Amino acid sequence: MERARFAHQVAEKRRLIKQYKMERERQQKLEEEEEIKRLRKELIPKAQLMPYFDRPFVPRRSKKQPTVPREPKFCIPRHKTIKCCRMSCNDMSGPSRLQHLPSSVGKAEALYQQRG
């Protein structure tokens, strides 16, 4: 007898939960539909005025100063160079330059200077 009453209570709970879920889904669906209706009302496209083409377009001169060209800087700043290659732009000539370069680059540079 107790088992039947317990099974009946469990079935009743499940039925109430299912009914609650369906009611909540229905309410959510109604809210979404109301929101869509409201958005459609607000977002009605409005016509824009046509621009006037009867007057010719006359561009106005800019009041800004033109840009001034500058010489490019081909020298690499000290903070951006590799530690083994730190040297200034003035040190780029002569055999002292070979000391700062990695060994493979230094050898190739020495061969180039011998041929040239």
PDB file of N, CA and C in Angstrom:
ATOM      1  N   MET A   1       0.807  -1.183   0.000  1.00  0.00           N
ATOM      2  CA  MET A   1       0.000   0.000   0.000  1.00  0.00           C
ATOM      3  C   MET A   1       0.865   1.268   0.000  1.00  0.00           C
ATOM      4  N   GLU A   2       1.916   1.278   0.830  1.00  0.00           N
ATOM      5  CA  GLU A   2       2.791   2.442   0.879  1.00  0.00           C
ATOM      6  C   GLU A   2       3.522   2.639  -0.439  1.00  0.00           C
ATOM      7  N   ARG A   3       3.922   1.538  -1.047  1.00  0.00           N
ATOM      8  CA  ARG A   3       4.650   1.608  -2.318  1.00  0.00           C
ATOM      9  C   ARG A   3       3.766   2.241  -3.382  1.00  0.00           C
ATOM     10  N   ALA A   4       2.513   1.903  -3.453  1.00  0.00           N
ATOM     11  CA  ALA A   4       1.588   2.463  -4.441  1.00  0.00           C
ATOM     12  C   ALA A   4       1.407   3.960  -4.192  1.00  0.00           C
ATOM     13  N   ARG A   5       1.283   4.351  -2.914  1.00  0.00           N
ATOM     14  CA  ARG A   5       1.125   5.760  -2.607  1.00  0.00           C
ATOM     15  C   ARG A   5       2.391   6.540  -2.983  1.00  0.00           C
ATOM     16  N   PHE A   6       3.568   5.971  -2.718  1.00  0.00           N
ATOM     17  CA  PHE A   6       4.839   6.612  -3.071  1.00  0.00           C
ATOM     18  C   PHE A   6       4.965   6.763  -4.590  1.00  0.00           C
ATOM     19  N   ALA A   7       4.631   5.721  -5.338  1.00  0.00           N
ATOM     20  CA  ALA A   7       4.684   5.775  -6.807  1.00  0.00           C
ATOM     21  C   ALA A   7       3.727   6.837  -7.323  1.00  0.00           C
ATOM     22  N   HIS A   8       2.545   6.938  -6.686  1.00  0.00           N
ATOM     23  CA  HIS A   8       1.571   7.960  -7.094  1.00  0.00           C
ATOM     24  C   HIS A   8       2.122   9.368  -6.831  1.00  0.00           C
ATOM     25  N   GLN A   9       2.796   9.580  -5.697  1.00  0.00           N
ATOM     26  CA  GLN A   9       3.389  10.888  -5.387  1.00  0.00           C
ATOM     27  C   GLN A   9       4.505  11.243  -6.387  1.00  0.00           C
ATOM     28  N   VAL A  10       5.336  10.261  -6.726  1.00  0.00           N
ATOM     29  CA  VAL A  10       6.424  10.500  -7.691  1.00  0.00           C
ATOM     30  C   VAL A  10       5.831  10.856  -9.048  1.00  0.00           C
ATOM     31  N   ALA A  11       4.803  10.133  -9.478  1.00  0.00           N
ATOM     32  CA  ALA A  11       4.166  10.419 -10.761  1.00  0.00           C
ATOM     33  C   ALA A  11       3.545  11.818 -10.741  1.00  0.00           C
ATOM     34  N   GLU A  12       2.934  12.196  -9.619  1.00  0.00           N
ATOM     35  CA  GLU A  12       2.327  13.522  -9.489  1.00  0.00           C
ATOM     36  C   GLU A  12       3.394  14.618  -9.575  1.00  0.00           C
ATOM     37  N   LYS A  13       4.539  14.400  -8.910  1.00  0.00           N
ATOM     38  CA  LYS A  13       5.634  15.370  -8.974  1.00  0.00           C
ATOM     39  C   LYS A  13       6.141  15.533 -10.400  1.00  0.00           C
ATOM     40  N   ARG A  14       6.340  14.412 -11.068  1.00  0.00           N
ATOM     41  CA  ARG A  14       6.826  14.463 -12.458  1.00  0.00           C
ATOM     42  C   ARG A  14       5.841  15.205 -13.345  1.00  0.00           C
ATOM     43  N   ARG A  15       4.548  14.946 -13.137  1.00  0.00           N
ATOM     44  CA  ARG A  15       3.535  15.613 -13.933  1.00  0.00           C
ATOM     45  C   ARG A  15       3.547  17.120 -13.668  1.00  0.00           C
ATOM     46  N   LEU A  16       3.694  17.536 -12.408  1.00  0.00           N
ATOM     47  CA  LEU A  16       3.759  18.953 -12.068  1.00  0.00           C
ATOM     48  C   LEU A  16       5.001  19.620 -12.662  1.00  0.00           C
ATOM     49  N   ILE A  17       6.128  18.925 -12.600  1.00  0.00           N
ATOM     50  CA  ILE A  17       7.369  19.473 -13.167  1.00  0.00           C
ATOM     51  C   ILE A  17       7.228  19.648 -14.676  1.00  0.00           C
ATOM     52  N   LYS A  18       6.655  18.644 -15.322  1.00  0.00           N
ATOM     53  CA  LYS A  18       6.459  18.717 -16.769  1.00  0.00           C
ATOM     54  C   LYS A  18       5.509  19.868 -17.116  1.00  0.00           C
ATOM     55  N   GLN A  19       4.448  20.013 -16.354  1.00  0.00           N
ATOM     56  CA  GLN A  19       3.489  21.091 -16.582  1.00  0.00           C
ATOM     57  C   GLN A  19       4.148  22.456 -16.359  1.00  0.00           C
ATOM     58  N   TYR A  20       4.982  22.558 -15.316  1.00  0.00           N
ATOM     59  CA  TYR A  20       5.681  23.808 -15.026  1.00  0.00           C
ATOM     60  C   TYR A  20       6.625  24.172 -16.182  1.00  0.00           C
ATOM     61  N   LYS A  21       7.371  23.189 -16.684  1.00  0.00           N
ATOM     62  CA  LYS A  21       8.286  23.433 -17.805  1.00  0.00           C
ATOM     63  C   LYS A  21       7.527  23.913 -19.042  1.00  0.00           C
ATOM     64  N   MET A  22       6.414  23.265 -19.337  1.00  0.00           N
ATOM     65  CA  MET A  22       5.640  23.653 -20.521  1.00  0.00           C
ATOM     66  C   MET A  22       5.100  25.075 -20.365  1.00  0.00           C
ATOM     67  N   GLU A  23       4.633  25.414 -19.173  1.00  0.00           N
ATOM     68  CA  GLU A  23       4.123  26.760 -18.911  1.00  0.00           C
ATOM     69  C   GLU A  23       5.239  27.801 -19.057  1.00  0.00           C
ATOM     70  N   ARG A  24       6.411  27.482 -18.532  1.00  0.00           N
ATOM     71  CA  ARG A  24       7.546  28.398 -18.629  1.00  0.00           C
ATOM     72  C   ARG A  24       7.962  28.592 -20.092  1.00  0.00           C
ATOM     73  N   GLU A  25       7.998  27.505 -20.876  1.00  0.00           N
ATOM     74  CA  GLU A  25       8.334  27.607 -22.302  1.00  0.00           C
ATOM     75  C   GLU A  25       7.303  28.460 -23.047  1.00  0.00           C
ATOM     76  N   ARG A  26       6.025  28.272 -22.709  1.00  0.00           N
ATOM     77  CA  ARG A  26       4.973  29.048 -23.353  1.00  0.00           C
ATOM     78  C   ARG A  26       5.122  30.536 -23.031  1.00  0.00           C
ATOM     79  N   GLN A  27       5.406  30.849 -21.759  1.00  0.00           N
ATOM     80  CA  GLN A  27       5.612  32.246 -21.363  1.00  0.00           C
ATOM     81  C   GLN A  27       6.819  32.859 -22.081  1.00  0.00           C
ATOM     82  N   GLN A  28       7.887  32.080 -22.184  1.00  0.00           N
ATOM     83  CA  GLN A  28       9.092  32.559 -22.856  1.00  0.00           C
ATOM     84  C   GLN A  28       8.820  32.821 -24.341  1.00  0.00           C
ATOM     85  N   LYS A  29       8.060  31.937 -24.951  1.00  0.00           N
ATOM     86  CA  LYS A  29       7.731  32.106 -26.363  1.00  0.00           C
ATOM     87  C   LYS A  29       6.880  33.368 -26.566  1.00  0.00           C
ATOM     88  N   LEU A  30       5.903  33.597 -25.670  1.00  0.00           N
ATOM     89  CA  LEU A  30       5.084  34.803 -25.768  1.00  0.00           C
ATOM     90  C   LEU A  30       5.924  36.070 -25.594  1.00  0.00           C
ATOM     91  N   GLU A  31       6.868  36.042 -24.640  1.00  0.00           N
ATOM     92  CA  GLU A  31       7.744  37.199 -24.433  1.00  0.00           C
ATOM     93  C   GLU A  31       8.593  37.479 -25.665  1.00  0.00           C
ATOM     94  N   GLU A  32       9.114  36.417 -26.276  1.00  0.00           N
ATOM     95  CA  GLU A  32       9.927  36.593 -27.486  1.00  0.00           C
ATOM     96  C   GLU A  32       9.096  37.183 -28.625  1.00  0.00           C
ATOM     97  N   GLU A  33       7.861  36.701 -28.773  1.00  0.00           N
ATOM     98  CA  GLU A  33       6.999  37.236 -29.824  1.00  0.00           C
ATOM     99  C   GLU A  33       6.690  38.714 -29.576  1.00  0.00           C
ATOM    100  N   GLU A  34       6.433  39.083 -28.311  1.00  0.00           N
ATOM    101  CA  GLU A  34       6.188  40.490 -27.974  1.00  0.00           C
ATOM    102  C   GLU A  34       7.419  41.341 -28.295  1.00  0.00           C
ATOM    103  N   GLU A  35       8.584  40.819 -27.971  1.00  0.00           N
ATOM    104  CA  GLU A  35       9.832  41.541 -28.245  1.00  0.00           C
ATOM    105  C   GLU A  35      10.029  41.734 -29.748  1.00  0.00           C
ATOM    106  N   ILE A  36       9.742  40.697 -30.513  1.00  0.00           N
ATOM    107  CA  ILE A  36       9.872  40.792 -31.978  1.00  0.00           C
ATOM    108  C   ILE A  36       8.898  41.823 -32.524  1.00  0.00           C
ATOM    109  N   LYS A  37       7.662  41.822 -32.038  1.00  0.00           N
ATOM    110  CA  LYS A  37       6.676  42.810 -32.498  1.00  0.00           C
ATOM    111  C   LYS A  37       7.141  44.229 -32.177  1.00  0.00           C
ATOM    112  N   ARG A  38       7.653  44.414 -30.958  1.00  0.00           N
ATOM    113  CA  ARG A  38       8.121  45.739 -30.550  1.00  0.00           C
ATOM    114  C   ARG A  38       9.295  46.196 -31.416  1.00  0.00           C
ATOM    115  N   LEU A  39      10.240  45.282 -31.669  1.00  0.00           N
ATOM    116  CA  LEU A  39      11.398  45.633 -32.495  1.00  0.00           C
ATOM    117  C   LEU A  39      10.986  45.961 -33.929  1.00  0.00           C
ATOM    118  N   ARG A  40      10.027  45.203 -34.458  1.00  0.00           N
ATOM    119  CA  ARG A  40       9.572  45.479 -35.827  1.00  0.00           C
ATOM    120  C   ARG A  40       8.912  46.846 -35.919  1.00  0.00           C
ATOM    121  N   LYS A  41       8.183  47.228 -34.858  1.00  0.00           N
ATOM    122  CA  LYS A  41       7.556  48.544 -34.850  1.00  0.00           C
ATOM    123  C   LYS A  41       8.598  49.649 -34.821  1.00  0.00           C
ATOM    124  N   GLU A  42       9.649  49.459 -34.011  1.00  0.00           N
ATOM    125  CA  GLU A  42      10.690  50.477 -33.878  1.00  0.00           C
ATOM    126  C   GLU A  42      11.563  50.585 -35.109  1.00  0.00           C
ATOM    127  N   LEU A  43      11.790  49.487 -35.765  1.00  0.00           N
ATOM    128  CA  LEU A  43      12.754  49.456 -36.859  1.00  0.00           C
ATOM    129  C   LEU A  43      12.118  49.630 -38.235  1.00  0.00           C
ATOM    130  N   ILE A  44      11.088  50.407 -38.311  1.00  0.00           N
ATOM    131  CA  ILE A  44      10.470  50.664 -39.607  1.00  0.00           C
ATOM    132  C   ILE A  44      11.429  51.533 -40.409  1.00  0.00           C
ATOM    133  N   PRO A  45      11.771  51.120 -41.636  1.00  0.00           N
ATOM    134  CA  PRO A  45      12.692  51.933 -42.425  1.00  0.00           C
ATOM    135  C   PRO A  45      12.050  53.261 -42.807  1.00  0.00           C
ATOM    136  N   LYS A  46      12.799  54.308 -42.653  1.00  0.00           N
ATOM    137  CA  LYS A  46      12.312  55.645 -42.968  1.00  0.00           C
ATOM    138  C   LYS A  46      12.975  56.120 -44.259  1.00  0.00           C
ATOM    139  N   ALA A  47      12.210  56.794 -45.100  1.00  0.00           N
ATOM    140  CA  ALA A  47      12.749  57.311 -46.360  1.00  0.00           C
ATOM    141  C   ALA A  47      13.681  58.478 -46.075  1.00  0.00           C
ATOM    142  N   GLN A  48      14.764  58.558 -46.848  1.00  0.00           N
ATOM    143  CA  GLN A  48      15.710  59.662 -46.712  1.00  0.00           C
ATOM    144  C   GLN A  48      15.565  60.597 -47.885  1.00  0.00           C
ATOM    145  N   LEU A  49      15.849  61.852 -47.636  1.00  0.00           N
ATOM    146  CA  LEU A  49      15.736  62.847 -48.693  1.00  0.00           C
ATOM    147  C   LEU A  49      16.772  62.605 -49.777  1.00  0.00           C
ATOM    148  N   MET A  50      16.377  62.923 -51.002  1.00  0.00           N
ATOM    149  CA  MET A  50      17.307  62.820 -52.126  1.00  0.00           C
ATOM    150  C   MET A  50      18.269  63.998 -52.076  1.00  0.00           C
ATOM    151  N   PRO A  51      19.538  63.779 -52.391  1.00  0.00           N
ATOM    152  CA  PRO A  51      20.467  64.906 -52.428  1.00  0.00           C
ATOM    153  C   PRO A  51      20.165  65.808 -53.626  1.00  0.00           C
ATOM    154  N   TYR A  52      20.546  67.070 -53.494  1.00  0.00           N
ATOM    155  CA  TYR A  52      20.324  68.021 -54.581  1.00  0.00           C
ATOM    156  C   TYR A  52      21.445  67.887 -55.609  1.00  0.00           C
ATOM    157  N   PHE A  53      21.037  67.623 -56.867  1.00  0.00           N
ATOM    158  CA  PHE A  53      22.018  67.513 -57.940  1.00  0.00           C
ATOM    159  C   PHE A  53      21.948  68.708 -58.886  1.00  0.00           C
ATOM    160  N   ASP A  54      21.092  69.652 -58.600  1.00  0.00           N
ATOM    161  CA  ASP A  54      20.954  70.793 -59.509  1.00  0.00           C
ATOM    162  C   ASP A  54      22.105  71.784 -59.343  1.00  0.00           C
ATOM    163  N   ARG A  55      22.753  71.828 -58.160  1.00  0.00           N
ATOM    164  CA  ARG A  55      23.900  72.707 -57.962  1.00  0.00           C
ATOM    165  C   ARG A  55      25.184  71.932 -58.244  1.00  0.00           C
ATOM    166  N   PRO A  56      26.130  72.537 -58.964  1.00  0.00           N
ATOM    167  CA  PRO A  56      27.396  71.815 -59.208  1.00  0.00           C
ATOM    168  C   PRO A  56      28.227  71.731 -57.924  1.00  0.00           C
ATOM    169  N   PHE A  57      28.983  70.671 -57.822  1.00  0.00           N
ATOM    170  CA  PHE A  57      29.837  70.468 -56.649  1.00  0.00           C
ATOM    171  C   PHE A  57      31.149  71.209 -56.857  1.00  0.00           C
ATOM    172  N   VAL A  58      31.480  72.089 -55.928  1.00  0.00           N
ATOM    173  CA  VAL A  58      32.729  72.832 -55.997  1.00  0.00           C
ATOM    174  C   VAL A  58      33.560  72.461 -54.776  1.00  0.00           C
ATOM    175  N   PRO A  59      34.652  71.731 -54.973  1.00  0.00           N
ATOM    176  CA  PRO A  59      35.460  71.350 -53.816  1.00  0.00           C
ATOM    177  C   PRO A  59      36.166  72.558 -53.219  1.00  0.00           C
ATOM    178  N   ARG A  60      36.295  72.575 -51.909  1.00  0.00           N
ATOM    179  CA  ARG A  60      36.957  73.679 -51.227  1.00  0.00           C
ATOM    180  C   ARG A  60      38.406  73.311 -50.935  1.00  0.00           C
ATOM    181  N   ARG A  61      39.242  74.294 -50.938  1.00  0.00           N
ATOM    182  CA  ARG A  61      40.650  74.084 -50.653  1.00  0.00           C
ATOM    183  C   ARG A  61      40.821  73.765 -49.162  1.00  0.00           C
ATOM    184  N   SER A  62      41.660  72.818 -48.872  1.00  0.00           N
ATOM    185  CA  SER A  62      41.893  72.421 -47.493  1.00  0.00           C
ATOM    186  C   SER A  62      42.724  73.472 -46.774  1.00  0.00           C
ATOM    187  N   LYS A  63      42.451  73.631 -45.494  1.00  0.00           N
ATOM    188  CA  LYS A  63      43.199  74.591 -44.695  1.00  0.00           C
ATOM    189  C   LYS A  63      44.404  73.929 -44.016  1.00  0.00           C
ATOM    190  N   LYS A  64      44.547  72.629 -44.157  1.00  0.00           N
ATOM    191  CA  LYS A  64      45.669  71.913 -43.556  1.00  0.00           C
ATOM    192  C   LYS A  64      46.945  72.163 -44.364  1.00  0.00           C
ATOM    193  N   GLN A  65      48.077  72.150 -43.678  1.00  0.00           N
ATOM    194  CA  GLN A  65      49.367  72.278 -44.340  1.00  0.00           C
ATOM    195  C   GLN A  65      49.721  70.944 -44.989  1.00  0.00           C
ATOM    196  N   PRO A  66      50.368  70.965 -46.157  1.00  0.00           N
ATOM    197  CA  PRO A  66      50.765  69.699 -46.771  1.00  0.00           C
ATOM    198  C   PRO A  66      51.847  69.014 -45.929  1.00  0.00           C
ATOM    199  N   THR A  67      51.945  67.717 -46.057  1.00  0.00           N
ATOM    200  CA  THR A  67      52.947  66.982 -45.287  1.00  0.00           C
ATOM    201  C   THR A  67      54.330  67.269 -45.828  1.00  0.00           C
ATOM    202  N   VAL A  68      55.303  67.264 -44.958  1.00  0.00           N
ATOM    203  CA  VAL A  68      56.686  67.541 -45.335  1.00  0.00           C
ATOM    204  C   VAL A  68      57.411  66.208 -45.472  1.00  0.00           C
ATOM    205  N   PRO A  69      58.011  65.933 -46.637  1.00  0.00           N
ATOM    206  CA  PRO A  69      58.717  64.660 -46.790  1.00  0.00           C
ATOM    207  C   PRO A  69      59.986  64.636 -45.950  1.00  0.00           C
ATOM    208  N   ARG A  70      60.337  63.467 -45.440  1.00  0.00           N
ATOM    209  CA  ARG A  70      61.550  63.303 -44.641  1.00  0.00           C
ATOM    210  C   ARG A  70      62.406  62.208 -45.252  1.00  0.00           C
ATOM    211  N   GLU A  71      63.683  62.286 -45.004  1.00  0.00           N
ATOM    212  CA  GLU A  71      64.613  61.251 -45.463  1.00  0.00           C
ATOM    213  C   GLU A  71      64.359  59.978 -44.656  1.00  0.00           C
ATOM    214  N   PRO A  72      64.394  58.810 -45.292  1.00  0.00           N
ATOM    215  CA  PRO A  72      64.220  57.572 -44.525  1.00  0.00           C
ATOM    216  C   PRO A  72      65.454  57.285 -43.675  1.00  0.00           C
ATOM    217  N   LYS A  73      65.251  56.656 -42.539  1.00  0.00           N
ATOM    218  CA  LYS A  73      66.360  56.293 -41.653  1.00  0.00           C
ATOM    219  C   LYS A  73      66.659  54.815 -41.875  1.00  0.00           C
ATOM    220  N   PHE A  74      67.788  54.559 -42.486  1.00  0.00           N
ATOM    221  CA  PHE A  74      68.167  53.181 -42.751  1.00  0.00           C
ATOM    222  C   PHE A  74      68.962  52.567 -41.617  1.00  0.00           C
ATOM    223  N   CYS A  75      69.322  53.365 -40.628  1.00  0.00           N
ATOM    224  CA  CYS A  75      70.086  52.884 -39.488  1.00  0.00           C
ATOM    225  C   CYS A  75      69.143  52.181 -38.514  1.00  0.00           C
ATOM    226  N   ILE A  76      69.565  51.038 -37.996  1.00  0.00           N
ATOM    227  CA  ILE A  76      68.765  50.303 -37.016  1.00  0.00           C
ATOM    228  C   ILE A  76      69.068  50.889 -35.641  1.00  0.00           C
ATOM    229  N   PRO A  77      68.063  51.262 -34.860  1.00  0.00           N
ATOM    230  CA  PRO A  77      68.321  51.796 -33.519  1.00  0.00           C
ATOM    231  C   PRO A  77      69.029  50.767 -32.642  1.00  0.00           C
ATOM    232  N   ARG A  78      69.806  51.236 -31.677  1.00  0.00           N
ATOM    233  CA  ARG A  78      70.592  50.338 -30.822  1.00  0.00           C
ATOM    234  C   ARG A  78      69.725  49.349 -30.058  1.00  0.00           C
ATOM    235  N   HIS A  79      68.559  49.771 -29.609  1.00  0.00           N
ATOM    236  CA  HIS A  79      67.725  48.867 -28.804  1.00  0.00           C
ATOM    237  C   HIS A  79      67.058  47.785 -29.639  1.00  0.00           C
ATOM    238  N   LYS A  80      67.117  47.887 -30.974  1.00  0.00           N
ATOM    239  CA  LYS A  80      66.498  46.877 -31.825  1.00  0.00           C
ATOM    240  C   LYS A  80      67.519  45.942 -32.471  1.00  0.00           C
ATOM    241  N   THR A  81      68.798  46.127 -32.223  1.00  0.00           N
ATOM    242  CA  THR A  81      69.814  45.282 -32.833  1.00  0.00           C
ATOM    243  C   THR A  81      70.068  44.055 -31.978  1.00  0.00           C
ATOM    244  N   ILE A  82      70.663  43.053 -32.594  1.00  0.00           N
ATOM    245  CA  ILE A  82      71.034  41.834 -31.885  1.00  0.00           C
ATOM    246  C   ILE A  82      72.299  42.135 -31.095  1.00  0.00           C
ATOM    247  N   LYS A  83      72.476  41.499 -29.938  1.00  0.00           N
ATOM    248  CA  LYS A  83      73.617  41.799 -29.073  1.00  0.00           C
ATOM    249  C   LYS A  83      74.939  41.599 -29.784  1.00  0.00           C
ATOM    250  N   CYS A  84      75.073  40.532 -30.561  1.00  0.00           N
ATOM    251  CA  CYS A  84      76.347  40.259 -31.211  1.00  0.00           C
ATOM    252  C   CYS A  84      76.608  41.231 -32.359  1.00  0.00           C
ATOM    253  N   CYS A  85      75.592  41.931 -32.832  1.00  0.00           N
ATOM    254  CA  CYS A  85      75.744  42.831 -33.972  1.00  0.00           C
ATOM    255  C   CYS A  85      75.613  44.289 -33.580  1.00  0.00           C
ATOM    256  N   ARG A  86      75.759  44.638 -32.288  1.00  0.00           N
ATOM    257  CA  ARG A  86      75.583  46.026 -31.863  1.00  0.00           C
ATOM    258  C   ARG A  86      76.696  46.892 -32.404  1.00  0.00           C
ATOM    259  N   MET A  87      76.320  47.847 -33.235  1.00  0.00           N
ATOM    260  CA  MET A  87      77.265  48.825 -33.760  1.00  0.00           C
ATOM    261  C   MET A  87      76.461  49.970 -34.316  1.00  0.00           C
ATOM    262  N   SER A  88      77.063  51.083 -34.452  1.00  0.00           N
ATOM    263  CA  SER A  88      76.348  52.229 -34.997  1.00  0.00           C
ATOM    264  C   SER A  88      76.492  52.233 -36.508  1.00  0.00           C
ATOM    265  N   CYS A  89      75.789  53.146 -37.171  1.00  0.00           N
ATOM    266  CA  CYS A  89      75.848  53.230 -38.629  1.00  0.00           C
ATOM    267  C   CYS A  89      77.237  53.642 -39.096  1.00  0.00           C
ATOM    268  N   ASN A  90      77.980  54.360 -38.265  1.00  0.00           N
ATOM    269  CA  ASN A  90      79.320  54.812 -38.660  1.00  0.00           C
ATOM    270  C   ASN A  90      80.323  53.666 -38.630  1.00  0.00           C
ATOM    271  N   ASP A  91      80.041  52.625 -37.854  1.00  0.00           N
ATOM    272  CA  ASP A  91      80.971  51.499 -37.746  1.00  0.00           C
ATOM    273  C   ASP A  91      80.786  50.492 -38.875  1.00  0.00           C
ATOM    274  N   MET A  92      80.008  50.790 -39.870  1.00  0.00           N
ATOM    275  CA  MET A  92      79.670  49.826 -40.904  1.00  0.00           C
ATOM    276  C   MET A  92      80.783  49.630 -41.927  1.00  0.00           C
ATOM    277  N   SER A  93      81.897  50.307 -41.821  1.00  0.00           N
ATOM    278  CA  SER A  93      82.959  50.124 -42.807  1.00  0.00           C
ATOM    279  C   SER A  93      84.220  49.660 -42.099  1.00  0.00           C
ATOM    280  N   GLY A  94      85.067  49.008 -42.844  1.00  0.00           N
ATOM    281  CA  GLY A  94      86.365  48.614 -42.320  1.00  0.00           C
ATOM    282  C   GLY A  94      86.354  47.240 -41.685  1.00  0.00           C
ATOM    283  N   PRO A  95      87.536  46.726 -41.355  1.00  0.00           N
ATOM    284  CA  PRO A  95      87.661  45.375 -40.801  1.00  0.00           C
ATOM    285  C   PRO A  95      87.129  45.263 -39.385  1.00  0.00           C
ATOM    286  N   SER A  96      87.025  46.394 -38.649  1.00  0.00           N
ATOM    287  CA  SER A  96      86.511  46.313 -37.278  1.00  0.00           C
ATOM    288  C   SER A  96      85.062  45.841 -37.275  1.00  0.00           C
ATOM    289  N   ARG A  97      84.396  46.049 -38.389  1.00  0.00           N
ATOM    290  CA  ARG A  97      83.000  45.615 -38.511  1.00  0.00           C
ATOM    291  C   ARG A  97      82.903  44.105 -38.449  1.00  0.00           C
ATOM    292  N   LEU A  98      83.913  43.419 -38.956  1.00  0.00           N
ATOM    293  CA  LEU A  98      83.879  41.959 -39.004  1.00  0.00           C
ATOM    294  C   LEU A  98      83.936  41.351 -37.614  1.00  0.00           C
ATOM    295  N   GLN A  99      84.485  42.061 -36.647  1.00  0.00           N
ATOM    296  CA  GLN A  99      84.565  41.533 -35.295  1.00  0.00           C
ATOM    297  C   GLN A  99      83.178  41.387 -34.681  1.00  0.00           C
ATOM    298  N   HIS A 100      82.276  42.290 -35.027  1.00  0.00           N
ATOM    299  CA  HIS A 100      80.955  42.299 -34.413  1.00  0.00           C
ATOM    300  C   HIS A 100      79.999  41.308 -35.063  1.00  0.00           C
ATOM    301  N   LEU A 101      80.288  40.875 -36.277  1.00  0.00           N
ATOM    302  CA  LEU A 101      79.374  39.993 -36.994  1.00  0.00           C
ATOM    303  C   LEU A 101      79.573  38.554 -36.565  1.00  0.00           C
ATOM    304  N   PRO A 102      78.558  37.704 -36.720  1.00  0.00           N
ATOM    305  CA  PRO A 102      78.736  36.283 -36.448  1.00  0.00           C
ATOM    306  C   PRO A 102      79.810  35.706 -37.370  1.00  0.00           C
ATOM    307  N   SER A 103      80.404  34.591 -36.971  1.00  0.00           N
ATOM    308  CA  SER A 103      81.564  34.049 -37.684  1.00  0.00           C
ATOM    309  C   SER A 103      81.268  33.736 -39.151  1.00  0.00           C
ATOM    310  N   SER A 104      80.095  33.134 -39.459  1.00  0.00           N
ATOM    311  CA  SER A 104      79.798  32.781 -40.845  1.00  0.00           C
ATOM    312  C   SER A 104      79.652  34.029 -41.707  1.00  0.00           C
ATOM    313  N   VAL A 105      79.048  35.077 -41.179  1.00  0.00           N
ATOM    314  CA  VAL A 105      78.888  36.317 -41.921  1.00  0.00           C
ATOM    315  C   VAL A 105      80.239  36.991 -42.083  1.00  0.00           C
ATOM    316  N   GLY A 106      81.055  36.953 -41.034  1.00  0.00           N
ATOM    317  CA  GLY A 106      82.382  37.572 -41.083  1.00  0.00           C
ATOM    318  C   GLY A 106      83.265  36.930 -42.137  1.00  0.00           C
ATOM    319  N   LYS A 107      83.215  35.602 -42.245  1.00  0.00           N
ATOM    320  CA  LYS A 107      84.020  34.894 -43.251  1.00  0.00           C
ATOM    321  C   LYS A 107      83.571  35.259 -44.650  1.00  0.00           C
ATOM    322  N   ALA A 108      82.265  35.288 -44.869  1.00  0.00           N
ATOM    323  CA  ALA A 108      81.756  35.642 -46.198  1.00  0.00           C
ATOM    324  C   ALA A 108      82.143  37.063 -46.553  1.00  0.00           C
ATOM    325  N   GLU A 109      82.076  37.944 -45.572  1.00  0.00           N
ATOM    326  CA  GLU A 109      82.425  39.363 -45.805  1.00  0.00           C
ATOM    327  C   GLU A 109      83.917  39.486 -46.113  1.00  0.00           C
ATOM    328  N   ALA A 110      84.776  38.710 -45.418  1.00  0.00           N
ATOM    329  CA  ALA A 110      86.209  38.754 -45.662  1.00  0.00           C
ATOM    330  C   ALA A 110      86.524  38.280 -47.074  1.00  0.00           C
ATOM    331  N   LEU A 111      85.851  37.207 -47.529  1.00  0.00           N
ATOM    332  CA  LEU A 111      86.057  36.701 -48.887  1.00  0.00           C
ATOM    333  C   LEU A 111      85.613  37.741 -49.919  1.00  0.00           C
ATOM    334  N   TYR A 112      84.540  38.423 -49.646  1.00  0.00           N
ATOM    335  CA  TYR A 112      84.052  39.439 -50.558  1.00  0.00           C
ATOM    336  C   TYR A 112      85.039  40.593 -50.685  1.00  0.00           C
ATOM    337  N   GLN A 113      85.616  41.008 -49.547  1.00  0.00           N
ATOM    338  CA  GLN A 113      86.580  42.098 -49.587  1.00  0.00           C
ATOM    339  C   GLN A 113      87.862  41.691 -50.305  1.00  0.00           C
ATOM    340  N   GLN A 114      88.277  40.433 -50.187  1.00  0.00           N
ATOM    341  CA  GLN A 114      89.482  39.964 -50.867  1.00  0.00           C
ATOM    342  C   GLN A 114      89.283  39.979 -52.382  1.00  0.00           C
ATOM    343  N   ARG A 115      88.108  39.606 -52.838  1.00  0.00           N
ATOM    344  CA  ARG A 115      87.833  39.581 -54.286  1.00  0.00           C
ATOM    345  C   ARG A 115      87.681  40.994 -54.835  1.00  0.00           C
ATOM    346  N   GLY A 116      87.069  41.857 -54.035  1.00  0.00           N
ATOM    347  CA  GLY A 116      86.737  43.208 -54.517  1.00  0.00           C
ATOM    348  C   GLY A 116      87.904  44.108 -54.447  1.00  0.00           C
TER     349      GLY A 116
END
